[in-house]
Amino acid sequence: MYTTILVGTDGSAPAQAAIDVAGEIARRFDIDTVHIVTGYRPISSAEMASLSHELPEEFMSTLSADAPGRTVVDEAKHDLEASGLTVETHSVPHSGADAILDVAEHIGADLIVVGSRGYGVGRRLLRGSVSTKVAHHADCSVLIVHVPHGSEDGSS
């Protein structure tokens, strides 16, 4: 049924739930590779200059404009690889939804898995929603893994 799975992450608890579900689907359908994507705001030249004065020398090699995105996908990659899956990561300097949609189109994804924080209608209208935008604009199936608001940190 599915051959190419993409999961979006921003490092949040709902994104982790989506990663877990994407991994389970990949194992059930004998899919070897899962694509992980995150959108990020690149670190500006001014911010890089400021950080270079604040960071200890041993961390200077990790300082780059794409460091925020790279960190998020590397953490998610570790979880899926530990379960025996091959992972391809994509850090894209766009908003989360646009990054997911762009990579999904590029790789020919037939399933996108994203998490949802479970905010109400008012908050979605004010802030927008990555999962809603992806669901409305994707050219493939989208699975939204719902994590009720308030349970992200383990509370109910």
N, C-alpha and C. Protein backbone atom coordinates (compact mmCIF):
# COMPACT_ATOMS: atom_id res chain seq x y z
N MET A 1 0.83 -1.19 0.00
CA MET A 1 0.00 0.00 0.00
C MET A 1 0.87 1.25 0.00
N TYR A 2 1.79 1.40 0.96
CA TYR A 2 2.68 2.56 1.01
C TYR A 2 4.10 2.10 0.72
N THR A 3 4.83 2.94 0.00
CA THR A 3 6.23 2.62 -0.29
C THR A 3 7.18 3.71 0.16
N THR A 4 6.69 4.95 0.23
CA THR A 4 7.55 6.07 0.61
C THR A 4 6.87 6.88 1.71
N ILE A 5 7.42 6.80 2.91
CA ILE A 5 6.85 7.49 4.07
C ILE A 5 7.72 8.67 4.44
N LEU A 6 7.07 9.79 4.67
CA LEU A 6 7.75 10.99 5.15
C LEU A 6 7.10 11.39 6.46
N VAL A 7 7.91 11.73 7.44
CA VAL A 7 7.38 12.19 8.73
C VAL A 7 7.97 13.55 9.03
N GLY A 8 7.11 14.48 9.43
CA GLY A 8 7.55 15.83 9.78
C GLY A 8 7.83 15.92 11.26
N THR A 9 8.87 16.68 11.61
CA THR A 9 9.18 16.84 13.02
C THR A 9 9.66 18.26 13.31
N ASP A 10 9.36 18.71 14.52
CA ASP A 10 9.90 19.96 15.03
C ASP A 10 10.53 19.72 16.40
N GLY A 11 10.66 18.45 16.76
CA GLY A 11 11.25 18.10 18.04
C GLY A 11 10.26 18.04 19.19
N SER A 12 9.00 18.30 18.94
CA SER A 12 7.98 18.33 20.00
C SER A 12 7.47 16.93 20.33
N ALA A 13 6.69 16.84 21.40
CA ALA A 13 6.08 15.56 21.78
C ALA A 13 5.13 15.04 20.70
N PRO A 14 4.28 15.88 20.10
CA PRO A 14 3.44 15.37 19.01
C PRO A 14 4.26 14.87 17.82
N ALA A 15 5.35 15.55 17.52
CA ALA A 15 6.22 15.10 16.42
C ALA A 15 6.85 13.76 16.77
N GLN A 16 7.24 13.57 18.02
CA GLN A 16 7.80 12.28 18.43
C GLN A 16 6.77 11.18 18.29
N ALA A 17 5.53 11.48 18.63
CA ALA A 17 4.46 10.49 18.45
C ALA A 17 4.31 10.14 16.97
N ALA A 18 4.41 11.13 16.09
CA ALA A 18 4.33 10.90 14.65
C ALA A 18 5.50 10.04 14.17
N ILE A 19 6.68 10.29 14.69
CA ILE A 19 7.86 9.49 14.34
C ILE A 19 7.64 8.03 14.75
N ASP A 20 7.12 7.82 15.95
CA ASP A 20 6.86 6.47 16.43
C ASP A 20 5.86 5.75 15.53
N VAL A 21 4.79 6.44 15.15
CA VAL A 21 3.77 5.85 14.29
C VAL A 21 4.34 5.57 12.90
N ALA A 22 5.10 6.51 12.35
CA ALA A 22 5.71 6.30 11.02
C ALA A 22 6.63 5.08 11.05
N GLY A 23 7.38 4.92 12.11
CA GLY A 23 8.25 3.76 12.25
C GLY A 23 7.46 2.46 12.29
N GLU A 24 6.37 2.47 13.03
CA GLU A 24 5.52 1.28 13.11
C GLU A 24 4.90 0.93 11.76
N ILE A 25 4.44 1.93 11.04
CA ILE A 25 3.87 1.69 9.71
C ILE A 25 4.95 1.13 8.78
N ALA A 26 6.13 1.71 8.81
CA ALA A 26 7.22 1.24 7.95
C ALA A 26 7.54 -0.23 8.25
N ARG A 27 7.58 -0.59 9.50
CA ARG A 27 7.86 -1.99 9.85
C ARG A 27 6.74 -2.92 9.39
N ARG A 28 5.49 -2.50 9.56
CA ARG A 28 4.35 -3.34 9.16
C ARG A 28 4.26 -3.55 7.66
N PHE A 29 4.64 -2.53 6.89
CA PHE A 29 4.57 -2.62 5.43
C PHE A 29 5.92 -2.99 4.81
N ASP A 30 6.88 -3.39 5.64
CA ASP A 30 8.23 -3.77 5.17
C ASP A 30 8.87 -2.68 4.32
N ILE A 31 8.75 -1.45 4.78
CA ILE A 31 9.38 -0.31 4.12
C ILE A 31 10.70 -0.07 4.83
N ASP A 32 11.78 -0.10 4.08
CA ASP A 32 13.11 0.01 4.68
C ASP A 32 13.49 1.43 5.08
N THR A 33 13.02 2.41 4.31
CA THR A 33 13.49 3.78 4.51
C THR A 33 12.34 4.71 4.88
N VAL A 34 12.58 5.52 5.89
CA VAL A 34 11.64 6.57 6.29
C VAL A 34 12.36 7.90 6.10
N HIS A 35 11.67 8.87 5.54
CA HIS A 35 12.22 10.21 5.35
C HIS A 35 11.72 11.09 6.50
N ILE A 36 12.64 11.81 7.11
CA ILE A 36 12.29 12.75 8.18
C ILE A 36 12.61 14.15 7.68
N VAL A 37 11.66 15.06 7.86
CA VAL A 37 11.87 16.44 7.42
C VAL A 37 11.53 17.41 8.53
N THR A 38 12.29 18.48 8.59
CA THR A 38 11.97 19.59 9.48
C THR A 38 12.20 20.89 8.73
N GLY A 39 11.37 21.84 9.00
CA GLY A 39 11.57 23.19 8.50
C GLY A 39 12.22 24.01 9.61
N TYR A 40 13.01 24.97 9.23
CA TYR A 40 13.68 25.78 10.25
C TYR A 40 13.96 27.17 9.70
N ARG A 41 14.20 28.09 10.63
CA ARG A 41 14.63 29.44 10.28
C ARG A 41 16.14 29.44 10.38
N PRO A 42 16.82 29.70 9.24
CA PRO A 42 18.28 29.71 9.29
C PRO A 42 18.81 30.76 10.26
N ILE A 43 19.94 30.47 10.85
CA ILE A 43 20.59 31.43 11.74
C ILE A 43 21.21 32.51 10.86
N SER A 44 20.92 33.76 11.14
CA SER A 44 21.43 34.87 10.33
C SER A 44 22.92 35.08 10.58
N SER A 45 23.55 35.81 9.69
CA SER A 45 24.98 36.13 9.84
C SER A 45 25.23 36.87 11.15
N ALA A 46 24.35 37.79 11.49
CA ALA A 46 24.51 38.55 12.74
C ALA A 46 24.40 37.62 13.95
N GLU A 47 23.42 36.70 13.92
CA GLU A 47 23.27 35.76 15.02
C GLU A 47 24.48 34.83 15.11
N MET A 48 25.01 34.41 13.95
CA MET A 48 26.19 33.54 13.94
C MET A 48 27.38 34.26 14.56
N ALA A 49 27.54 35.54 14.23
CA ALA A 49 28.65 36.31 14.78
C ALA A 49 28.51 36.43 16.29
N SER A 50 27.30 36.69 16.75
CA SER A 50 27.05 36.81 18.18
C SER A 50 27.32 35.48 18.89
N LEU A 51 26.81 34.40 18.31
CA LEU A 51 27.00 33.08 18.91
C LEU A 51 28.46 32.67 18.94
N SER A 52 29.21 33.07 17.93
CA SER A 52 30.62 32.67 17.87
C SER A 52 31.41 33.26 19.04
N HIS A 53 30.94 34.37 19.58
CA HIS A 53 31.60 34.97 20.74
C HIS A 53 31.15 34.33 22.06
N GLU A 54 29.98 33.69 22.03
CA GLU A 54 29.41 33.12 23.24
C GLU A 54 29.70 31.63 23.42
N LEU A 55 29.91 30.92 22.30
CA LEU A 55 30.11 29.47 22.38
C LEU A 55 31.54 29.10 22.75
N PRO A 56 31.69 28.06 23.53
CA PRO A 56 33.04 27.54 23.79
C PRO A 56 33.66 27.04 22.48
N GLU A 57 34.95 27.06 22.39
CA GLU A 57 35.68 26.69 21.17
C GLU A 57 35.29 25.31 20.64
N GLU A 58 35.07 24.35 21.52
CA GLU A 58 34.78 22.98 21.07
C GLU A 58 33.44 22.86 20.33
N PHE A 59 32.56 23.85 20.45
CA PHE A 59 31.28 23.82 19.76
C PHE A 59 31.27 24.62 18.46
N MET A 60 32.34 25.29 18.16
CA MET A 60 32.39 26.16 16.98
C MET A 60 32.16 25.39 15.68
N SER A 61 32.60 24.15 15.61
CA SER A 61 32.43 23.38 14.37
C SER A 61 30.97 23.04 14.11
N THR A 62 30.10 23.12 15.12
CA THR A 62 28.68 22.81 14.93
C THR A 62 27.88 24.05 14.54
N LEU A 63 28.50 25.20 14.56
CA LEU A 63 27.79 26.45 14.27
C LEU A 63 27.64 26.65 12.77
N SER A 64 26.40 26.61 12.30
CA SER A 64 26.11 26.86 10.90
C SER A 64 24.67 27.35 10.78
N ALA A 65 24.33 27.93 9.65
CA ALA A 65 22.99 28.48 9.45
C ALA A 65 21.91 27.41 9.56
N ASP A 66 22.24 26.15 9.23
CA ASP A 66 21.24 25.09 9.28
C ASP A 66 21.29 24.25 10.55
N ALA A 67 22.06 24.67 11.53
CA ALA A 67 22.20 23.91 12.78
C ALA A 67 20.86 23.60 13.46
N PRO A 68 19.91 24.54 13.51
CA PRO A 68 18.64 24.21 14.18
C PRO A 68 17.91 23.04 13.53
N GLY A 69 17.85 23.02 12.22
CA GLY A 69 17.18 21.93 11.52
C GLY A 69 17.94 20.62 11.61
N ARG A 70 19.24 20.69 11.49
CA ARG A 70 20.07 19.49 11.54
C ARG A 70 19.93 18.79 12.89
N THR A 71 19.90 19.54 13.96
CA THR A 71 19.79 18.98 15.30
C THR A 71 18.48 18.23 15.47
N VAL A 72 17.38 18.81 15.01
CA VAL A 72 16.05 18.19 15.16
C VAL A 72 15.98 16.87 14.39
N VAL A 73 16.42 16.86 13.13
CA VAL A 73 16.31 15.61 12.36
C VAL A 73 17.30 14.55 12.83
N ASP A 74 18.46 14.97 13.32
CA ASP A 74 19.43 13.99 13.81
C ASP A 74 18.90 13.26 15.04
N GLU A 75 18.20 13.96 15.92
CA GLU A 75 17.62 13.32 17.09
C GLU A 75 16.53 12.33 16.69
N ALA A 76 15.69 12.72 15.74
CA ALA A 76 14.62 11.84 15.27
C ALA A 76 15.19 10.64 14.53
N LYS A 77 16.24 10.86 13.77
CA LYS A 77 16.88 9.79 13.00
C LYS A 77 17.37 8.68 13.93
N HIS A 78 17.94 9.06 15.03
CA HIS A 78 18.47 8.09 15.98
C HIS A 78 17.39 7.12 16.45
N ASP A 79 16.20 7.63 16.76
CA ASP A 79 15.12 6.79 17.25
C ASP A 79 14.71 5.73 16.23
N LEU A 80 14.57 6.13 14.98
CA LEU A 80 14.13 5.18 13.95
C LEU A 80 15.23 4.19 13.58
N GLU A 81 16.46 4.66 13.51
CA GLU A 81 17.56 3.75 13.19
C GLU A 81 17.75 2.70 14.28
N ALA A 82 17.48 3.08 15.51
CA ALA A 82 17.59 2.12 16.62
C ALA A 82 16.60 0.97 16.46
N SER A 83 15.52 1.21 15.73
CA SER A 83 14.52 0.15 15.51
C SER A 83 14.79 -0.61 14.20
N GLY A 84 15.93 -0.35 13.57
CA GLY A 84 16.32 -1.11 12.39
C GLY A 84 15.94 -0.51 11.06
N LEU A 85 15.42 0.69 11.05
CA LEU A 85 15.03 1.33 9.80
C LEU A 85 16.16 2.20 9.25
N THR A 86 16.17 2.37 7.94
CA THR A 86 17.07 3.32 7.31
C THR A 86 16.33 4.66 7.26
N VAL A 87 17.06 5.73 7.51
CA VAL A 87 16.44 7.04 7.59
C VAL A 87 17.18 8.02 6.68
N GLU A 88 16.41 8.77 5.92
CA GLU A 88 16.97 9.88 5.16
C GLU A 88 16.41 11.16 5.77
N THR A 89 17.30 12.11 6.07
CA THR A 89 16.87 13.34 6.72
C THR A 89 16.89 14.51 5.73
N HIS A 90 15.99 15.43 5.98
CA HIS A 90 15.85 16.62 5.14
C HIS A 90 15.62 17.81 6.06
N SER A 91 16.56 18.74 6.10
CA SER A 91 16.40 20.01 6.84
C SER A 91 16.21 21.09 5.79
N VAL A 92 15.06 21.74 5.83
CA VAL A 92 14.69 22.68 4.77
C VAL A 92 14.43 24.06 5.38
N PRO A 93 15.07 25.09 4.82
CA PRO A 93 14.88 26.45 5.37
C PRO A 93 13.55 27.09 4.94
N HIS A 94 12.46 26.49 5.37
CA HIS A 94 11.10 26.98 5.11
C HIS A 94 10.28 26.76 6.38
N SER A 95 9.04 27.20 6.33
CA SER A 95 8.12 26.88 7.43
C SER A 95 7.92 25.38 7.46
N GLY A 96 7.47 24.86 8.58
CA GLY A 96 7.29 23.42 8.73
C GLY A 96 6.42 22.80 7.65
N ALA A 97 5.25 23.38 7.40
CA ALA A 97 4.33 22.81 6.41
C ALA A 97 4.93 22.87 5.01
N ASP A 98 5.51 24.00 4.65
CA ASP A 98 6.10 24.12 3.31
C ASP A 98 7.27 23.16 3.13
N ALA A 99 8.07 22.98 4.16
CA ALA A 99 9.20 22.03 4.08
C ALA A 99 8.67 20.62 3.86
N ILE A 100 7.66 20.23 4.60
CA ILE A 100 7.08 18.89 4.46
C ILE A 100 6.50 18.69 3.07
N LEU A 101 5.73 19.65 2.60
CA LEU A 101 5.11 19.54 1.28
C LEU A 101 6.14 19.51 0.16
N ASP A 102 7.17 20.34 0.26
CA ASP A 102 8.22 20.37 -0.76
C ASP A 102 8.96 19.05 -0.85
N VAL A 103 9.37 18.52 0.30
CA VAL A 103 10.12 17.25 0.30
C VAL A 103 9.21 16.11 -0.14
N ALA A 104 7.97 16.11 0.31
CA ALA A 104 7.03 15.05 -0.09
C ALA A 104 6.89 14.99 -1.60
N GLU A 105 6.78 16.15 -2.22
CA GLU A 105 6.67 16.19 -3.68
C GLU A 105 7.97 15.72 -4.33
N HIS A 106 9.09 16.17 -3.81
CA HIS A 106 10.40 15.84 -4.38
C HIS A 106 10.68 14.33 -4.33
N ILE A 107 10.34 13.67 -3.23
CA ILE A 107 10.65 12.25 -3.08
C ILE A 107 9.52 11.35 -3.55
N GLY A 108 8.37 11.93 -3.88
CA GLY A 108 7.22 11.12 -4.30
C GLY A 108 6.60 10.36 -3.15
N ALA A 109 6.49 11.01 -2.00
CA ALA A 109 5.90 10.35 -0.82
C ALA A 109 4.46 9.94 -1.11
N ASP A 110 4.09 8.77 -0.61
CA ASP A 110 2.69 8.39 -0.72
C ASP A 110 2.00 8.38 0.64
N LEU A 111 2.77 8.70 1.71
CA LEU A 111 2.19 8.89 3.04
C LEU A 111 3.02 9.91 3.80
N ILE A 112 2.35 10.92 4.32
CA ILE A 112 2.97 11.90 5.20
C ILE A 112 2.38 11.69 6.59
N VAL A 113 3.24 11.62 7.60
CA VAL A 113 2.79 11.47 8.99
C VAL A 113 3.24 12.72 9.75
N VAL A 114 2.29 13.38 10.40
CA VAL A 114 2.61 14.57 11.20
C VAL A 114 1.87 14.48 12.53
N GLY A 115 2.41 15.16 13.52
CA GLY A 115 1.76 15.23 14.81
C GLY A 115 0.88 16.46 14.91
N SER A 116 -0.02 16.42 15.85
CA SER A 116 -0.91 17.56 16.10
C SER A 116 -1.00 17.78 17.60
N ARG A 117 -0.91 19.03 18.00
CA ARG A 117 -0.97 19.36 19.43
C ARG A 117 -2.38 19.33 20.00
N GLY A 118 -3.38 19.35 19.15
CA GLY A 118 -4.74 19.27 19.65
C GLY A 118 -5.29 20.59 20.16
N TYR A 119 -4.78 21.70 19.64
CA TYR A 119 -5.33 22.99 20.02
C TYR A 119 -6.72 23.17 19.42
N GLY A 120 -7.50 24.05 20.02
CA GLY A 120 -8.85 24.30 19.53
C GLY A 120 -8.88 25.17 18.29
N VAL A 121 -10.09 25.40 17.80
CA VAL A 121 -10.30 26.16 16.58
C VAL A 121 -9.73 27.57 16.69
N GLY A 122 -9.94 28.25 17.79
CA GLY A 122 -9.47 29.63 17.96
C GLY A 122 -7.96 29.74 17.80
N ARG A 123 -7.25 28.88 18.43
CA ARG A 123 -5.79 28.93 18.35
C ARG A 123 -5.30 28.59 16.95
N ARG A 124 -5.96 27.61 16.30
CA ARG A 124 -5.57 27.26 14.92
C ARG A 124 -5.80 28.44 14.00
N LEU A 125 -6.90 29.18 14.21
CA LEU A 125 -7.17 30.33 13.35
C LEU A 125 -6.13 31.43 13.54
N LEU A 126 -5.69 31.62 14.78
CA LEU A 126 -4.71 32.67 15.06
C LEU A 126 -3.30 32.27 14.63
N ARG A 127 -2.90 31.05 14.90
CA ARG A 127 -1.53 30.61 14.64
C ARG A 127 -1.39 29.84 13.35
N GLY A 128 -2.46 29.24 12.87
CA GLY A 128 -2.32 28.32 11.76
C GLY A 128 -1.93 26.97 12.30
N SER A 129 -1.89 25.99 11.44
CA SER A 129 -1.57 24.64 11.88
C SER A 129 -0.81 23.95 10.78
N VAL A 130 0.36 23.42 11.12
CA VAL A 130 1.16 22.68 10.15
C VAL A 130 0.36 21.49 9.65
N SER A 131 -0.23 20.72 10.57
CA SER A 131 -0.97 19.52 10.15
C SER A 131 -2.15 19.86 9.25
N THR A 132 -2.85 20.94 9.54
CA THR A 132 -3.98 21.34 8.71
C THR A 132 -3.51 21.74 7.32
N LYS A 133 -2.46 22.54 7.24
CA LYS A 133 -1.95 22.95 5.93
C LYS A 133 -1.46 21.75 5.13
N VAL A 134 -0.75 20.85 5.77
CA VAL A 134 -0.26 19.66 5.07
C VAL A 134 -1.44 18.84 4.57
N ALA A 135 -2.44 18.62 5.41
CA ALA A 135 -3.60 17.82 5.02
C ALA A 135 -4.35 18.44 3.84
N HIS A 136 -4.41 19.75 3.79
CA HIS A 136 -5.15 20.43 2.73
C HIS A 136 -4.38 20.52 1.42
N HIS A 137 -3.06 20.48 1.48
CA HIS A 137 -2.27 20.73 0.27
C HIS A 137 -1.45 19.55 -0.22
N ALA A 138 -1.40 18.47 0.51
CA ALA A 138 -0.59 17.31 0.10
C ALA A 138 -1.24 16.58 -1.07
N ASP A 139 -0.39 16.01 -1.91
CA ASP A 139 -0.86 15.22 -3.05
C ASP A 139 -0.87 13.73 -2.73
N CYS A 140 -0.80 13.39 -1.45
CA CYS A 140 -0.79 11.99 -1.04
C CYS A 140 -1.57 11.86 0.27
N SER A 141 -1.62 10.66 0.79
CA SER A 141 -2.31 10.42 2.07
C SER A 141 -1.56 11.12 3.20
N VAL A 142 -2.33 11.62 4.17
CA VAL A 142 -1.74 12.28 5.34
C VAL A 142 -2.35 11.64 6.59
N LEU A 143 -1.48 11.24 7.49
CA LEU A 143 -1.92 10.70 8.78
C LEU A 143 -1.54 11.71 9.85
N ILE A 144 -2.53 12.21 10.57
CA ILE A 144 -2.28 13.16 11.65
C ILE A 144 -2.39 12.42 12.97
N VAL A 145 -1.28 12.39 13.69
CA VAL A 145 -1.23 11.72 14.99
C VAL A 145 -1.58 12.76 16.04
N HIS A 146 -2.71 12.58 16.66
CA HIS A 146 -3.23 13.56 17.61
C HIS A 146 -2.69 13.30 19.02
N VAL A 147 -2.09 14.31 19.60
CA VAL A 147 -1.65 14.26 20.99
C VAL A 147 -2.43 15.37 21.70
N PRO A 148 -3.38 15.00 22.55
CA PRO A 148 -4.23 16.01 23.20
C PRO A 148 -3.41 17.07 23.93
N HIS A 149 -3.84 18.31 23.79
CA HIS A 149 -3.18 19.42 24.48
C HIS A 149 -3.21 19.14 25.96
N GLY A 150 -2.06 19.33 26.60
CA GLY A 150 -1.96 19.06 28.02
C GLY A 150 -1.31 17.73 28.32
N SER A 151 -1.27 16.83 27.34
CA SER A 151 -0.63 15.53 27.58
C SER A 151 0.76 15.49 26.95
N GLU A 152 1.22 16.59 26.35
CA GLU A 152 2.53 16.65 25.71
C GLU A 152 3.66 16.43 26.69
N ASP A 153 3.47 16.85 27.91
CA ASP A 153 4.54 16.72 28.89
C ASP A 153 4.30 15.56 29.86
N GLY A 154 3.32 14.71 29.51
CA GLY A 154 3.04 13.56 30.36
C GLY A 154 1.88 13.79 31.31
N SER A 155 1.37 15.05 31.39
CA SER A 155 0.23 15.31 32.27
C SER A 155 -1.06 15.10 31.50
N SER A 156 -2.19 15.04 32.17
CA SER A 156 -3.46 14.85 31.49
C SER A 156 -4.34 16.05 31.64
